[in-house]
Amino acid sequence: TITTLMLAVKAMQRDIARNEALASDATLDD
């Protein structure tokens, strides 16, 4: 359904943003 797609798009957007932030976190190891 479009509601499911809308929720999935928003969830994935947040997850990607979180992973991008972690991928550039200088306190983490390589």
PDB file of all heavy atoms in Angstrom:
ATOM      1  N   THR A   1       0.845  -1.190   0.000  1.00  0.00           N
ATOM      2  CA  THR A   1       0.000   0.000   0.000  1.00  0.00           C
ATOM      3  C   THR A   1       0.878   1.237   0.000  1.00  0.00           C
ATOM      4  O   THR A   1       2.055   1.190   0.378  1.00  0.00           O
ATOM      5  CB  THR A   1      -0.922   0.038   1.232  1.00  0.00           C
ATOM      6  OG1 THR A   1      -0.102   0.223   2.398  1.00  0.00           O
ATOM      7  CG2 THR A   1      -1.764  -1.219   1.353  1.00  0.00           C
ATOM      8  N   ILE A   2       0.298   2.358  -0.393  1.00  0.00           N
ATOM      9  CA  ILE A   2       1.065   3.601  -0.411  1.00  0.00           C
ATOM     10  C   ILE A   2       1.486   4.000   0.999  1.00  0.00           C
ATOM     11  O   ILE A   2       2.571   4.548   1.192  1.00  0.00           O
ATOM     12  CB  ILE A   2       0.305   4.731  -1.135  1.00  0.00           C
ATOM     13  CG1 ILE A   2       1.259   5.916  -1.343  1.00  0.00           C
ATOM     14  CG2 ILE A   2      -0.961   5.090  -0.410  1.00  0.00           C
ATOM     15  CD1 ILE A   2       0.800   6.930  -2.342  1.00  0.00           C
ATOM     16  N   THR A   3       0.660   3.672   1.982  1.00  0.00           N
ATOM     17  CA  THR A   3       1.025   3.984   3.370  1.00  0.00           C
ATOM     18  C   THR A   3       2.263   3.191   3.783  1.00  0.00           C
ATOM     19  O   THR A   3       3.177   3.736   4.399  1.00  0.00           O
ATOM     20  CB  THR A   3      -0.145   3.682   4.318  1.00  0.00           C
ATOM     21  OG1 THR A   3      -1.288   4.423   3.882  1.00  0.00           O
ATOM     22  CG2 THR A   3       0.183   4.051   5.748  1.00  0.00           C
ATOM     23  N   THR A   4       2.314   1.928   3.424  1.00  0.00           N
ATOM     24  CA  THR A   4       3.486   1.098   3.724  1.00  0.00           C
ATOM     25  C   THR A   4       4.718   1.640   3.012  1.00  0.00           C
ATOM     26  O   THR A   4       5.797   1.730   3.605  1.00  0.00           O
ATOM     27  CB  THR A   4       3.229  -0.364   3.320  1.00  0.00           C
ATOM     28  OG1 THR A   4       2.102  -0.839   4.065  1.00  0.00           O
ATOM     29  CG2 THR A   4       4.438  -1.231   3.585  1.00  0.00           C
ATOM     30  N   LEU A   5       4.559   2.015   1.743  1.00  0.00           N
ATOM     31  CA  LEU A   5       5.680   2.587   0.991  1.00  0.00           C
ATOM     32  C   LEU A   5       6.155   3.879   1.634  1.00  0.00           C
ATOM     33  O   LEU A   5       7.366   4.115   1.747  1.00  0.00           O
ATOM     34  CB  LEU A   5       5.275   2.834  -0.457  1.00  0.00           C
ATOM     35  CG  LEU A   5       5.121   1.589  -1.322  1.00  0.00           C
ATOM     36  CD1 LEU A   5       4.452   1.946  -2.644  1.00  0.00           C
ATOM     37  CD2 LEU A   5       6.462   0.936  -1.556  1.00  0.00           C
ATOM     38  N   MET A   6       5.220   4.718   2.065  1.00  0.00           N
ATOM     39  CA  MET A   6       5.580   5.994   2.690  1.00  0.00           C
ATOM     40  C   MET A   6       6.393   5.747   3.964  1.00  0.00           C
ATOM     41  O   MET A   6       7.441   6.369   4.175  1.00  0.00           O
ATOM     42  CB  MET A   6       4.311   6.794   3.010  1.00  0.00           C
ATOM     43  CG  MET A   6       4.576   8.157   3.601  1.00  0.00           C
ATOM     44  SD  MET A   6       3.093   9.176   3.755  1.00  0.00           S
ATOM     45  CE  MET A   6       2.107   8.228   4.877  1.00  0.00           C
ATOM     46  N   LEU A   7       5.937   4.826   4.788  1.00  0.00           N
ATOM     47  CA  LEU A   7       6.651   4.515   6.026  1.00  0.00           C
ATOM     48  C   LEU A   7       8.020   3.898   5.741  1.00  0.00           C
ATOM     49  O   LEU A   7       9.003   4.219   6.413  1.00  0.00           O
ATOM     50  CB  LEU A   7       5.811   3.579   6.896  1.00  0.00           C
ATOM     51  CG  LEU A   7       4.526   4.192   7.452  1.00  0.00           C
ATOM     52  CD1 LEU A   7       3.667   3.116   8.102  1.00  0.00           C
ATOM     53  CD2 LEU A   7       4.830   5.312   8.417  1.00  0.00           C
ATOM     54  N   ALA A   8       8.101   3.038   4.735  1.00  0.00           N
ATOM     55  CA  ALA A   8       9.376   2.407   4.386  1.00  0.00           C
ATOM     56  C   ALA A   8      10.373   3.433   3.850  1.00  0.00           C
ATOM     57  O   ALA A   8      11.557   3.392   4.197  1.00  0.00           O
ATOM     58  CB  ALA A   8       9.149   1.301   3.351  1.00  0.00           C
ATOM     59  N   VAL A   9       9.905   4.372   3.034  1.00  0.00           N
ATOM     60  CA  VAL A   9      10.782   5.424   2.499  1.00  0.00           C
ATOM     61  C   VAL A   9      11.348   6.260   3.640  1.00  0.00           C
ATOM     62  O   VAL A   9      12.551   6.516   3.712  1.00  0.00           O
ATOM     63  CB  VAL A   9      10.032   6.307   1.473  1.00  0.00           C
ATOM     64  CG1 VAL A   9      10.793   7.592   1.182  1.00  0.00           C
ATOM     65  CG2 VAL A   9       9.785   5.538   0.183  1.00  0.00           C
ATOM     66  N   LYS A  10      10.486   6.688   4.564  1.00  0.00           N
ATOM     67  CA  LYS A  10      10.945   7.509   5.690  1.00  0.00           C
ATOM     68  C   LYS A  10      11.902   6.729   6.593  1.00  0.00           C
ATOM     69  O   LYS A  10      12.912   7.273   7.041  1.00  0.00           O
ATOM     70  CB  LYS A  10       9.745   8.018   6.502  1.00  0.00           C
ATOM     71  CG  LYS A  10       8.918   9.070   5.801  1.00  0.00           C
ATOM     72  CD  LYS A  10       9.709  10.301   5.445  1.00  0.00           C
ATOM     73  CE  LYS A  10      10.154  11.060   6.663  1.00  0.00           C
ATOM     74  NZ  LYS A  10      10.972  12.232   6.338  1.00  0.00           N
ATOM     75  N   ALA A  11      11.604   5.466   6.858  1.00  0.00           N
ATOM     76  CA  ALA A  11      12.475   4.648   7.713  1.00  0.00           C
ATOM     77  C   ALA A  11      13.843   4.449   7.062  1.00  0.00           C
ATOM     78  O   ALA A  11      14.876   4.574   7.733  1.00  0.00           O
ATOM     79  CB  ALA A  11      11.812   3.300   7.994  1.00  0.00           C
ATOM     80  N   MET A  12      13.841   4.185   5.768  1.00  0.00           N
ATOM     81  CA  MET A  12      15.114   3.977   5.090  1.00  0.00           C
ATOM     82  C   MET A  12      15.903   5.284   5.027  1.00  0.00           C
ATOM     83  O   MET A  12      17.125   5.274   5.178  1.00  0.00           O
ATOM     84  CB  MET A  12      14.897   3.406   3.697  1.00  0.00           C
ATOM     85  CG  MET A  12      16.193   3.015   3.037  1.00  0.00           C
ATOM     86  SD  MET A  12      15.981   1.833   1.715  1.00  0.00           S
ATOM     87  CE  MET A  12      16.211   0.334   2.628  1.00  0.00           C
ATOM     88  N   GLN A  13      15.220   6.394   4.832  1.00  0.00           N
ATOM     89  CA  GLN A  13      15.899   7.699   4.816  1.00  0.00           C
ATOM     90  C   GLN A  13      16.617   7.933   6.151  1.00  0.00           C
ATOM     91  O   GLN A  13      17.773   8.325   6.186  1.00  0.00           O
ATOM     92  CB  GLN A  13      14.883   8.809   4.548  1.00  0.00           C
ATOM     93  CG  GLN A  13      15.493  10.198   4.544  1.00  0.00           C
ATOM     94  CD  GLN A  13      14.431  11.289   4.493  1.00  0.00           C
ATOM     95  OE1 GLN A  13      13.327  11.135   5.017  1.00  0.00           O
ATOM     96  NE2 GLN A  13      14.778  12.394   3.864  1.00  0.00           N
ATOM     97  N   ARG A  14      15.929   7.661   7.249  1.00  0.00           N
ATOM     98  CA  ARG A  14      16.531   7.832   8.582  1.00  0.00           C
ATOM     99  C   ARG A  14      17.698   6.868   8.795  1.00  0.00           C
ATOM    100  O   ARG A  14      18.731   7.237   9.347  1.00  0.00           O
ATOM    101  CB  ARG A  14      15.478   7.636   9.670  1.00  0.00           C
ATOM    102  CG  ARG A  14      14.546   8.798   9.844  1.00  0.00           C
ATOM    103  CD  ARG A  14      13.676   8.651  11.094  1.00  0.00           C
ATOM    104  NE  ARG A  14      12.842   7.466  11.044  1.00  0.00           N
ATOM    105  CZ  ARG A  14      11.609   7.428  10.539  1.00  0.00           C
ATOM    106  NH1 ARG A  14      11.069   8.508  10.033  1.00  0.00           N
ATOM    107  NH2 ARG A  14      10.915   6.307  10.542  1.00  0.00           N
ATOM    108  N   ASP A  15      17.527   5.629   8.354  1.00  0.00           N
ATOM    109  CA  ASP A  15      18.576   4.623   8.537  1.00  0.00           C
ATOM    110  C   ASP A  15      19.829   4.978   7.742  1.00  0.00           C
ATOM    111  O   ASP A  15      20.952   4.855   8.246  1.00  0.00           O
ATOM    112  CB  ASP A  15      18.044   3.253   8.129  1.00  0.00           C
ATOM    113  CG  ASP A  15      18.875   2.125   8.702  1.00  0.00           C
ATOM    114  OD1 ASP A  15      19.302   2.223   9.867  1.00  0.00           O
ATOM    115  OD2 ASP A  15      19.106   1.148   7.966  1.00  0.00           O
ATOM    116  N   ILE A  16      19.651   5.443   6.518  1.00  0.00           N
ATOM    117  CA  ILE A  16      20.798   5.844   5.699  1.00  0.00           C
ATOM    118  C   ILE A  16      21.505   7.031   6.339  1.00  0.00           C
ATOM    119  O   ILE A  16      22.736   7.064   6.423  1.00  0.00           O
ATOM    120  CB  ILE A  16      20.367   6.149   4.247  1.00  0.00           C
ATOM    121  CG1 ILE A  16      20.000   4.848   3.539  1.00  0.00           C
ATOM    122  CG2 ILE A  16      21.472   6.880   3.486  1.00  0.00           C
ATOM    123  CD1 ILE A  16      19.360   5.034   2.172  1.00  0.00           C
ATOM    124  N   ALA A  17      20.738   8.009   6.812  1.00  0.00           N
ATOM    125  CA  ALA A  17      21.341   9.181   7.452  1.00  0.00           C
ATOM    126  C   ALA A  17      22.149   8.763   8.692  1.00  0.00           C
ATOM    127  O   ALA A  17      23.260   9.258   8.921  1.00  0.00           O
ATOM    128  CB  ALA A  17      20.266  10.190   7.830  1.00  0.00           C
ATOM    129  N   ARG A  18      21.605   7.840   9.459  1.00  0.00           N
ATOM    130  CA  ARG A  18      22.311   7.357  10.651  1.00  0.00           C
ATOM    131  C   ARG A  18      23.604   6.641  10.258  1.00  0.00           C
ATOM    132  O   ARG A  18      24.662   6.872  10.849  1.00  0.00           O
ATOM    133  CB  ARG A  18      21.402   6.405  11.434  1.00  0.00           C
ATOM    134  CG  ARG A  18      22.035   5.824  12.676  1.00  0.00           C
ATOM    135  CD  ARG A  18      21.074   4.855  13.379  1.00  0.00           C
ATOM    136  NE  ARG A  18      21.797   3.960  14.228  1.00  0.00           N
ATOM    137  CZ  ARG A  18      22.397   2.830  13.829  1.00  0.00           C
ATOM    138  NH1 ARG A  18      22.354   2.452  12.585  1.00  0.00           N
ATOM    139  NH2 ARG A  18      23.031   2.064  14.690  1.00  0.00           N
ATOM    140  N   ASN A  19      23.532   5.779   9.263  1.00  0.00           N
ATOM    141  CA  ASN A  19      24.731   5.059   8.824  1.00  0.00           C
ATOM    142  C   ASN A  19      25.762   5.980   8.202  1.00  0.00           C
ATOM    143  O   ASN A  19      26.964   5.781   8.375  1.00  0.00           O
ATOM    144  CB  ASN A  19      24.357   3.928   7.866  1.00  0.00           C
ATOM    145  CG  ASN A  19      23.708   2.769   8.590  1.00  0.00           C
ATOM    146  OD1 ASN A  19      23.956   2.537   9.763  1.00  0.00           O
ATOM    147  ND2 ASN A  19      22.853   2.042   7.895  1.00  0.00           N
ATOM    148  N   GLU A  20      25.320   7.021   7.496  1.00  0.00           N
ATOM    149  CA  GLU A  20      26.255   8.008   6.950  1.00  0.00           C
ATOM    150  C   GLU A  20      26.984   8.733   8.073  1.00  0.00           C
ATOM    151  O   GLU A  20      28.195   8.963   7.991  1.00  0.00           O
ATOM    152  CB  GLU A  20      25.525   9.017   6.063  1.00  0.00           C
ATOM    153  CG  GLU A  20      25.137   8.478   4.724  1.00  0.00           C
ATOM    154  CD  GLU A  20      24.315   9.454   3.900  1.00  0.00           C
ATOM    155  OE1 GLU A  20      23.584  10.291   4.476  1.00  0.00           O
ATOM    156  OE2 GLU A  20      24.399   9.375   2.671  1.00  0.00           O
ATOM    157  N   ALA A  21      26.241   9.087   9.121  1.00  0.00           N
ATOM    158  CA  ALA A  21      26.870   9.764  10.257  1.00  0.00           C
ATOM    159  C   ALA A  21      27.891   8.848  10.930  1.00  0.00           C
ATOM    160  O   ALA A  21      28.998   9.281  11.274  1.00  0.00           O
ATOM    161  CB  ALA A  21      25.803  10.210  11.260  1.00  0.00           C
ATOM    162  N   LEU A  22      27.543   7.587  11.090  1.00  0.00           N
ATOM    163  CA  LEU A  22      28.471   6.641  11.710  1.00  0.00           C
ATOM    164  C   LEU A  22      29.679   6.389  10.818  1.00  0.00           C
ATOM    165  O   LEU A  22      30.800   6.226  11.310  1.00  0.00           O
ATOM    166  CB  LEU A  22      27.757   5.326  12.022  1.00  0.00           C
ATOM    167  CG  LEU A  22      26.767   5.390  13.184  1.00  0.00           C
ATOM    168  CD1 LEU A  22      25.911   4.126  13.231  1.00  0.00           C
ATOM    169  CD2 LEU A  22      27.488   5.603  14.505  1.00  0.00           C
ATOM    170  N   ALA A  23      29.479   6.376   9.510  1.00  0.00           N
ATOM    171  CA  ALA A  23      30.583   6.132   8.575  1.00  0.00           C
ATOM    172  C   ALA A  23      31.589   7.265   8.569  1.00  0.00           C
ATOM    173  O   ALA A  23      32.717   7.094   8.103  1.00  0.00           O
ATOM    174  CB  ALA A  23      30.041   5.910   7.164  1.00  0.00           C
ATOM    175  N   SER A  24      31.208   8.409   9.089  1.00  0.00           N
ATOM    176  CA  SER A  24      32.139   9.544   9.134  1.00  0.00           C
ATOM    177  C   SER A  24      32.521   9.917  10.572  1.00  0.00           C
ATOM    178  O   SER A  24      33.099  10.971  10.806  1.00  0.00           O
ATOM    179  CB  SER A  24      31.536  10.748   8.414  1.00  0.00           C
ATOM    180  OG  SER A  24      30.339  11.146   9.048  1.00  0.00           O
ATOM    181  N   ASP A  25      32.220   9.037  11.513  1.00  0.00           N
ATOM    182  CA  ASP A  25      32.532   9.273  12.922  1.00  0.00           C
ATOM    183  C   ASP A  25      33.999   8.926  13.186  1.00  0.00           C
ATOM    184  O   ASP A  25      34.395   7.758  13.179  1.00  0.00           O
ATOM    185  CB  ASP A  25      31.618   8.414  13.793  1.00  0.00           C
ATOM    186  CG  ASP A  25      31.809   8.655  15.278  1.00  0.00           C
ATOM    187  OD1 ASP A  25      32.822   9.264  15.676  1.00  0.00           O
ATOM    188  OD2 ASP A  25      30.926   8.237  16.045  1.00  0.00           O
ATOM    189  N   ALA A  26      34.800   9.934  13.425  1.00  0.00           N
ATOM    190  CA  ALA A  26      36.246   9.755  13.601  1.00  0.00           C
ATOM    191  C   ALA A  26      36.596   8.958  14.862  1.00  0.00           C
ATOM    192  O   ALA A  26      37.734   8.500  15.006  1.00  0.00           O
ATOM    193  CB  ALA A  26      36.933  11.111  13.637  1.00  0.00           C
ATOM    194  N   THR A  27      35.651   8.759  15.757  1.00  0.00           N
ATOM    195  CA  THR A  27      35.945   8.005  16.975  1.00  0.00           C
ATOM    196  C   THR A  27      35.861   6.503  16.758  1.00  0.00           C
ATOM    197  O   THR A  27      36.289   5.740  17.619  1.00  0.00           O
ATOM    198  CB  THR A  27      34.992   8.408  18.120  1.00  0.00           C
ATOM    199  OG1 THR A  27      33.653   8.044  17.769  1.00  0.00           O
ATOM    200  CG2 THR A  27      35.074   9.896  18.411  1.00  0.00           C
ATOM    201  N   LEU A  28      35.327   6.071  15.618  1.00  0.00           N
ATOM    202  CA  LEU A  28      35.212   4.636  15.340  1.00  0.00           C
ATOM    203  C   LEU A  28      36.472   4.122  14.650  1.00  0.00           C
ATOM    204  O   LEU A  28      37.180   4.874  13.981  1.00  0.00           O
ATOM    205  CB  LEU A  28      33.998   4.365  14.449  1.00  0.00           C
ATOM    206  CG  LEU A  28      32.636   4.714  15.045  1.00  0.00           C
ATOM    207  CD1 LEU A  28      31.532   4.439  14.035  1.00  0.00           C
ATOM    208  CD2 LEU A  28      32.376   3.928  16.327  1.00  0.00           C
ATOM    209  N   ASP A  29      36.728   2.835  14.814  1.00  0.00           N
ATOM    210  CA  ASP A  29      37.908   2.264  14.149  1.00  0.00           C
ATOM    211  C   ASP A  29      37.613   2.021  12.659  1.00  0.00           C
ATOM    212  O   ASP A  29      36.469   2.115  12.213  1.00  0.00           O
ATOM    213  CB  ASP A  29      38.380   0.989  14.843  1.00  0.00           C
ATOM    214  CG  ASP A  29      37.396  -0.158  14.767  1.00  0.00           C
ATOM    215  OD1 ASP A  29      36.741  -0.339  13.720  1.00  0.00           O
ATOM    216  OD2 ASP A  29      37.286  -0.904  15.759  1.00  0.00           O
ATOM    217  N   ASP A  30      38.644   1.718  11.913  1.00  0.00           N
ATOM    218  CA  ASP A  30      38.526   1.574  10.461  1.00  0.00           C
ATOM    219  C   ASP A  30      37.529   0.491  10.047  1.00  0.00           C
ATOM    220  O   ASP A  30      36.808   0.656   9.065  1.00  0.00           O
ATOM    221  CB  ASP A  30      39.891   1.278   9.843  1.00  0.00           C
ATOM    222  CG  ASP A  30      40.804   2.497   9.852  1.00  0.00           C
ATOM    223  OD1 ASP A  30      40.299   3.619  10.076  1.00  0.00           O
ATOM    224  OD2 ASP A  30      42.015   2.325   9.626  1.00  0.00           O
TER     225      ASP A  30
END
